[in-house]
Amino acid sequence: MSNFVEYKDCTVLCKLNKSKDKFEALDLLSQCKVLLQILQLSRIGTTMADLRLIGLSANSGKILISKNIANIEEFKLINQSVTGLFETSIDLLTV
């Protein structure tokens, strides 16, 4: 974990780097549990991991998106067929 890059805002990688000592102090079974949770972050569709064993949040890696759409110019919901031949879009700012 010493090769992780320090980011301007403390991302999951930064937090993992800071928790290295706590990870090393865990028993082998707990280390395996933490590693499995970290691997879950790399899966498509999984956006969080429970890293309480190393002193981090139970929702580490959770992606939060602002619900404030007042200051944007375009916000559309696009519905596309499986084949990609048909597409409809709805401007959510006018609904």
N, C-alpha and C. Protein backbone atom coordinates (compact mmCIF):
# COMPACT_ATOMS: atom_id res chain seq x y z
N MET A 1 0.80 -1.19 0.00
CA MET A 1 0.00 0.00 0.00
C MET A 1 0.85 1.26 0.00
N SER A 2 2.15 1.14 0.13
CA SER A 2 2.99 2.32 0.19
C SER A 2 3.14 3.01 -1.16
N ASN A 3 2.75 2.37 -2.25
CA ASN A 3 2.88 2.95 -3.57
C ASN A 3 1.67 3.77 -3.99
N PHE A 4 0.63 3.85 -3.15
CA PHE A 4 -0.56 4.62 -3.51
C PHE A 4 -0.21 6.10 -3.58
N VAL A 5 -0.79 6.77 -4.53
CA VAL A 5 -0.54 8.19 -4.74
C VAL A 5 -1.41 9.00 -3.79
N GLU A 6 -0.85 10.03 -3.19
CA GLU A 6 -1.62 10.93 -2.35
C GLU A 6 -2.41 11.88 -3.24
N TYR A 7 -3.69 11.95 -3.05
CA TYR A 7 -4.55 12.81 -3.84
C TYR A 7 -4.88 14.07 -3.06
N LYS A 8 -5.29 15.10 -3.79
CA LYS A 8 -5.64 16.38 -3.18
C LYS A 8 -6.73 16.19 -2.13
N ASP A 9 -7.83 15.55 -2.53
CA ASP A 9 -8.86 15.20 -1.55
C ASP A 9 -8.64 13.73 -1.20
N CYS A 10 -8.86 13.38 0.02
CA CYS A 10 -8.53 12.05 0.50
C CYS A 10 -9.53 11.02 -0.02
N THR A 11 -9.16 10.31 -1.07
CA THR A 11 -10.00 9.29 -1.66
C THR A 11 -9.84 7.99 -0.89
N VAL A 12 -10.50 6.96 -1.37
CA VAL A 12 -10.39 5.65 -0.73
C VAL A 12 -8.93 5.19 -0.72
N LEU A 13 -8.21 5.42 -1.80
CA LEU A 13 -6.80 5.01 -1.85
C LEU A 13 -5.99 5.74 -0.78
N CYS A 14 -6.25 7.02 -0.61
CA CYS A 14 -5.55 7.80 0.40
C CYS A 14 -5.87 7.26 1.80
N LYS A 15 -7.13 6.96 2.04
CA LYS A 15 -7.54 6.44 3.35
C LYS A 15 -6.93 5.07 3.61
N LEU A 16 -6.86 4.24 2.57
CA LEU A 16 -6.22 2.93 2.73
C LEU A 16 -4.75 3.08 3.07
N ASN A 17 -4.11 4.02 2.43
CA ASN A 17 -2.69 4.26 2.69
C ASN A 17 -2.47 4.69 4.13
N LYS A 18 -3.36 5.53 4.65
CA LYS A 18 -3.24 6.00 6.03
C LYS A 18 -3.57 4.90 7.04
N SER A 19 -4.31 3.87 6.61
CA SER A 19 -4.73 2.80 7.51
C SER A 19 -3.82 1.57 7.44
N LYS A 20 -2.68 1.72 6.81
CA LYS A 20 -1.76 0.59 6.62
C LYS A 20 -1.36 -0.06 7.95
N ASP A 21 -1.05 0.74 8.96
CA ASP A 21 -0.62 0.19 10.25
C ASP A 21 -1.74 -0.61 10.92
N LYS A 22 -2.96 -0.10 10.82
CA LYS A 22 -4.09 -0.83 11.40
C LYS A 22 -4.31 -2.15 10.68
N PHE A 23 -4.13 -2.14 9.36
CA PHE A 23 -4.28 -3.36 8.57
C PHE A 23 -3.23 -4.39 8.99
N GLU A 24 -1.99 -3.96 9.13
CA GLU A 24 -0.90 -4.89 9.50
C GLU A 24 -1.08 -5.45 10.90
N ALA A 25 -1.78 -4.73 11.77
CA ALA A 25 -1.98 -5.20 13.15
C ALA A 25 -3.11 -6.23 13.25
N LEU A 26 -3.91 -6.37 12.21
CA LEU A 26 -5.02 -7.34 12.23
C LEU A 26 -4.51 -8.77 12.11
N ASP A 27 -5.31 -9.72 12.60
CA ASP A 27 -4.97 -11.13 12.41
C ASP A 27 -5.22 -11.49 10.93
N LEU A 28 -4.75 -12.64 10.52
CA LEU A 28 -4.79 -13.03 9.12
C LEU A 28 -6.23 -13.11 8.58
N LEU A 29 -7.15 -13.65 9.35
CA LEU A 29 -8.54 -13.76 8.90
C LEU A 29 -9.16 -12.37 8.67
N SER A 30 -8.90 -11.45 9.58
CA SER A 30 -9.43 -10.09 9.44
C SER A 30 -8.79 -9.38 8.24
N GLN A 31 -7.51 -9.61 8.00
CA GLN A 31 -6.84 -9.03 6.83
C GLN A 31 -7.49 -9.54 5.55
N CYS A 32 -7.82 -10.82 5.52
CA CYS A 32 -8.49 -11.40 4.34
C CYS A 32 -9.86 -10.75 4.12
N LYS A 33 -10.59 -10.53 5.22
CA LYS A 33 -11.90 -9.88 5.11
C LYS A 33 -11.77 -8.47 4.53
N VAL A 34 -10.78 -7.74 5.01
CA VAL A 34 -10.56 -6.37 4.51
C VAL A 34 -10.18 -6.41 3.03
N LEU A 35 -9.31 -7.32 2.66
CA LEU A 35 -8.90 -7.43 1.24
C LEU A 35 -10.08 -7.78 0.34
N LEU A 36 -10.96 -8.64 0.81
CA LEU A 36 -12.16 -8.98 0.03
C LEU A 36 -13.06 -7.76 -0.14
N GLN A 37 -13.18 -6.94 0.90
CA GLN A 37 -13.98 -5.72 0.80
C GLN A 37 -13.35 -4.74 -0.18
N ILE A 38 -12.03 -4.63 -0.17
CA ILE A 38 -11.33 -3.74 -1.10
C ILE A 38 -11.53 -4.23 -2.53
N LEU A 39 -11.47 -5.54 -2.73
CA LEU A 39 -11.69 -6.10 -4.07
C LEU A 39 -13.11 -5.83 -4.56
N GLN A 40 -14.07 -5.77 -3.65
CA GLN A 40 -15.44 -5.47 -4.05
C GLN A 40 -15.55 -4.09 -4.69
N LEU A 41 -14.70 -3.16 -4.29
CA LEU A 41 -14.73 -1.82 -4.87
C LEU A 41 -14.38 -1.85 -6.36
N SER A 42 -13.66 -2.86 -6.80
CA SER A 42 -13.26 -2.92 -8.21
C SER A 42 -14.31 -3.59 -9.08
N ARG A 43 -15.36 -4.14 -8.48
CA ARG A 43 -16.42 -4.78 -9.25
C ARG A 43 -17.37 -3.75 -9.84
N ILE A 44 -17.88 -4.03 -11.00
CA ILE A 44 -18.86 -3.15 -11.63
C ILE A 44 -20.16 -3.25 -10.84
N GLY A 45 -20.72 -2.11 -10.53
CA GLY A 45 -21.99 -2.08 -9.82
C GLY A 45 -21.84 -1.99 -8.31
N THR A 46 -20.70 -2.33 -7.77
CA THR A 46 -20.48 -2.23 -6.33
C THR A 46 -19.78 -0.91 -6.06
N THR A 47 -20.37 -0.09 -5.22
CA THR A 47 -19.80 1.23 -4.99
C THR A 47 -19.33 1.46 -3.56
N MET A 48 -19.38 0.44 -2.72
CA MET A 48 -18.91 0.65 -1.36
C MET A 48 -18.38 -0.64 -0.75
N ALA A 49 -17.58 -0.45 0.29
CA ALA A 49 -16.99 -1.58 1.00
C ALA A 49 -16.99 -1.27 2.48
N ASP A 50 -17.14 -2.29 3.31
CA ASP A 50 -17.13 -2.15 4.76
C ASP A 50 -15.70 -2.27 5.26
N LEU A 51 -15.09 -1.14 5.60
CA LEU A 51 -13.69 -1.14 6.04
C LEU A 51 -13.56 -0.72 7.50
N ARG A 52 -14.55 -1.10 8.32
CA ARG A 52 -14.52 -0.75 9.74
C ARG A 52 -13.38 -1.44 10.47
N LEU A 53 -12.92 -2.59 9.98
CA LEU A 53 -11.84 -3.32 10.65
C LEU A 53 -10.54 -2.53 10.68
N ILE A 54 -10.37 -1.61 9.74
CA ILE A 54 -9.15 -0.80 9.73
C ILE A 54 -9.46 0.66 10.08
N GLY A 55 -10.59 0.88 10.73
CA GLY A 55 -10.92 2.20 11.24
C GLY A 55 -11.55 3.14 10.23
N LEU A 56 -12.00 2.63 9.10
CA LEU A 56 -12.65 3.46 8.10
C LEU A 56 -14.16 3.22 8.14
N SER A 57 -14.86 3.86 7.27
CA SER A 57 -16.32 3.82 7.25
C SER A 57 -16.85 2.48 6.74
N ALA A 58 -18.08 2.17 7.16
CA ALA A 58 -18.76 0.98 6.64
C ALA A 58 -19.22 1.22 5.21
N ASN A 59 -19.21 2.47 4.77
CA ASN A 59 -19.63 2.83 3.42
C ASN A 59 -18.48 3.42 2.61
N SER A 60 -17.28 2.93 2.81
CA SER A 60 -16.13 3.46 2.08
C SER A 60 -16.29 3.25 0.59
N GLY A 61 -15.96 4.29 -0.17
CA GLY A 61 -16.05 4.20 -1.62
C GLY A 61 -17.41 4.52 -2.19
N LYS A 62 -18.36 4.85 -1.35
CA LYS A 62 -19.71 5.16 -1.83
C LYS A 62 -19.68 6.44 -2.64
N ILE A 63 -20.26 6.39 -3.82
CA ILE A 63 -20.28 7.55 -4.70
C ILE A 63 -21.51 8.38 -4.39
N LEU A 64 -21.29 9.65 -4.11
CA LEU A 64 -22.38 10.57 -3.83
C LEU A 64 -22.49 11.58 -4.96
N ILE A 65 -23.69 11.76 -5.46
CA ILE A 65 -23.92 12.71 -6.54
C ILE A 65 -24.90 13.76 -6.03
N SER A 66 -24.60 15.00 -6.28
CA SER A 66 -25.47 16.09 -5.86
C SER A 66 -26.81 16.02 -6.58
N LYS A 67 -27.87 16.29 -5.85
CA LYS A 67 -29.21 16.29 -6.43
C LYS A 67 -29.62 17.68 -6.90
N ASN A 68 -28.74 18.65 -6.74
CA ASN A 68 -29.03 20.01 -7.14
C ASN A 68 -28.75 20.16 -8.64
N ILE A 69 -29.80 20.29 -9.43
CA ILE A 69 -29.64 20.44 -10.88
C ILE A 69 -30.07 21.82 -11.35
N ALA A 70 -30.16 22.77 -10.42
CA ALA A 70 -30.64 24.11 -10.75
C ALA A 70 -29.65 24.90 -11.62
N ASN A 71 -28.37 24.64 -11.48
CA ASN A 71 -27.37 25.44 -12.18
C ASN A 71 -26.81 24.80 -13.45
N ILE A 72 -27.49 23.79 -13.96
CA ILE A 72 -26.99 23.15 -15.17
C ILE A 72 -27.89 23.49 -16.35
N GLU A 73 -27.34 23.42 -17.55
CA GLU A 73 -28.07 23.81 -18.75
C GLU A 73 -28.90 22.68 -19.35
N GLU A 74 -28.43 21.45 -19.21
CA GLU A 74 -29.11 20.32 -19.84
C GLU A 74 -29.05 19.11 -18.91
N PHE A 75 -30.20 18.46 -18.75
CA PHE A 75 -30.26 17.26 -17.92
C PHE A 75 -31.30 16.33 -18.54
N LYS A 76 -30.83 15.31 -19.25
CA LYS A 76 -31.74 14.46 -20.02
C LYS A 76 -31.67 13.01 -19.57
N LEU A 77 -32.82 12.36 -19.60
CA LEU A 77 -32.93 10.93 -19.40
C LEU A 77 -33.03 10.31 -20.78
N ILE A 78 -32.09 9.44 -21.12
CA ILE A 78 -32.05 8.83 -22.45
C ILE A 78 -32.43 7.37 -22.34
N ASN A 79 -33.44 6.97 -23.09
CA ASN A 79 -33.91 5.60 -23.13
C ASN A 79 -33.57 5.04 -24.50
N GLN A 80 -32.72 4.02 -24.51
CA GLN A 80 -32.26 3.45 -25.78
C GLN A 80 -32.61 1.98 -25.83
N SER A 81 -33.04 1.52 -27.02
CA SER A 81 -33.37 0.11 -27.17
C SER A 81 -32.12 -0.75 -27.06
N VAL A 82 -32.32 -2.03 -26.83
CA VAL A 82 -31.20 -2.96 -26.68
C VAL A 82 -30.32 -2.97 -27.92
N THR A 83 -30.94 -2.85 -29.08
CA THR A 83 -30.18 -2.87 -30.34
C THR A 83 -29.52 -1.53 -30.64
N GLY A 84 -29.99 -0.48 -29.99
CA GLY A 84 -29.43 0.84 -30.24
C GLY A 84 -30.08 1.54 -31.41
N LEU A 85 -31.08 0.92 -32.02
CA LEU A 85 -31.73 1.50 -33.19
C LEU A 85 -32.74 2.58 -32.81
N PHE A 86 -33.34 2.46 -31.65
CA PHE A 86 -34.38 3.40 -31.23
C PHE A 86 -33.94 4.11 -29.96
N GLU A 87 -34.24 5.41 -29.91
CA GLU A 87 -33.84 6.19 -28.75
C GLU A 87 -34.85 7.30 -28.50
N THR A 88 -35.19 7.51 -27.24
CA THR A 88 -36.02 8.63 -26.83
C THR A 88 -35.31 9.35 -25.69
N SER A 89 -35.53 10.64 -25.60
CA SER A 89 -34.92 11.39 -24.50
C SER A 89 -35.96 12.34 -23.92
N ILE A 90 -35.83 12.56 -22.63
CA ILE A 90 -36.74 13.44 -21.90
C ILE A 90 -35.87 14.48 -21.19
N ASP A 91 -36.17 15.75 -21.44
CA ASP A 91 -35.46 16.82 -20.75
C ASP A 91 -36.05 16.93 -19.34
N LEU A 92 -35.28 16.53 -18.36
CA LEU A 92 -35.77 16.50 -16.97
C LEU A 92 -35.88 17.88 -16.34
N LEU A 93 -35.30 18.89 -16.97
CA LEU A 93 -35.43 20.25 -16.45
C LEU A 93 -36.79 20.85 -16.78
N THR A 94 -37.48 20.30 -17.78
CA THR A 94 -38.77 20.86 -18.17
C THR A 94 -39.94 20.03 -17.66
N VAL A 95 -39.68 18.91 -17.05
CA VAL A 95 -40.74 18.04 -16.57
C VAL A 95 -41.29 18.54 -15.26
